[in-house]
């Protein structure tokens, strides 16, 4: 895998949820993390993870650029 397969998620409020979704014919939740303000998570897409859902205010950095998610409040 190349370095473009990694994303960095920085929480900008307490309680940001990062949820991994499975690959295949039936998409399911397979992993969840909760980040508090200032915490950073580095994640990677794999043969098991095809998508990620991020709930809460966070800054998401990838090879495609930076995007801000909105607050869950």
Protein backbone atom coordinates (compact mmCIF):
# COMPACT_ATOMS: atom_id res chain seq x y z
CA UNK A 1 0.00 0.00 0.00
CA UNK A 2 1.17 3.53 -0.69
CA UNK A 3 1.24 6.47 1.70
CA UNK A 4 -1.88 7.85 -0.04
CA UNK A 5 -3.88 5.08 1.65
CA UNK A 6 -3.49 6.84 5.02
CA UNK A 7 -5.70 9.57 6.42
CA UNK A 8 -5.16 11.70 9.49
CA UNK A 9 -8.13 12.73 11.64
CA UNK A 10 -7.73 15.49 14.22
CA UNK A 11 -10.64 16.00 16.62
CA UNK A 12 -11.67 19.62 17.09
CA UNK A 13 -14.19 18.85 19.85
CA UNK A 14 -14.72 16.10 22.43
CA UNK A 15 -16.55 12.98 21.31
CA UNK A 16 -15.62 12.72 17.62
CA UNK A 17 -16.48 9.22 16.37
CA UNK A 18 -14.48 7.44 13.66
CA UNK A 19 -16.26 4.36 12.32
CA UNK A 20 -14.72 1.84 9.92
CA UNK A 21 -16.97 0.15 7.37
CA UNK A 22 -16.29 -3.24 5.81
CA UNK A 23 -15.63 -4.05 2.18
CA UNK A 24 -17.80 -6.50 0.26
CA UNK A 25 -21.39 -7.13 -0.73
CA UNK A 26 -22.72 -6.35 2.78
CA UNK A 27 -21.26 -3.13 4.20
CA UNK A 28 -21.13 -3.31 8.01
CA UNK A 29 -19.55 -1.38 10.87
CA UNK A 30 -16.44 -3.21 12.05
CA UNK A 31 -14.51 -0.74 14.22
CA UNK A 32 -15.21 2.45 16.15
CA UNK A 33 -12.99 4.95 17.95
CA UNK A 34 -13.89 8.01 20.00
CA UNK A 35 -11.53 10.99 19.93
CA UNK A 36 -11.46 13.98 22.26
CA UNK A 37 -10.45 17.53 21.36
CA UNK A 38 -6.89 17.66 20.05
CA UNK A 39 -6.48 13.91 19.68
CA UNK A 40 -5.16 12.63 16.36
CA UNK A 41 -5.80 9.28 14.71
CA UNK A 42 -3.92 7.97 11.69
CA UNK A 43 -6.02 5.45 9.78
CA UNK A 44 -5.51 3.30 6.70
CA UNK A 45 -7.84 1.74 4.17
CA UNK A 46 -7.20 -2.02 3.97
CA UNK A 47 -8.62 -5.15 2.38
CA UNK A 48 -11.22 -5.10 5.20
CA UNK A 49 -11.92 -1.34 5.44
CA UNK A 50 -13.48 0.31 2.40
CA UNK A 51 -14.92 3.45 4.02
CA UNK A 52 -14.83 5.54 7.18
CA UNK A 53 -17.56 7.61 8.75
CA UNK A 54 -16.53 10.57 10.89
CA UNK A 55 -19.12 12.12 13.19
CA UNK A 56 -18.27 15.39 14.95
CA UNK A 57 -16.04 18.41 14.30
CA UNK A 58 -12.73 17.22 12.90
CA UNK A 59 -10.04 18.05 10.38
CA UNK A 60 -9.41 15.19 7.93
CA UNK A 61 -6.12 15.18 6.02
CA UNK A 62 -5.52 12.87 3.04
CA UNK A 63 -3.58 12.74 -0.21
CA UNK A 64 -6.59 14.52 -1.75
CA UNK A 65 -6.36 17.50 0.60
CA UNK A 66 -7.95 18.67 3.84
CA UNK A 67 -11.65 18.77 4.67
CA UNK A 68 -13.48 19.87 7.82
CA UNK A 69 -16.42 17.93 9.18
CA UNK A 70 -19.15 19.81 11.02
CA UNK A 71 -19.95 19.65 14.71
CA UNK A 72 -22.37 16.93 15.78
CA UNK A 73 -24.19 19.47 17.96
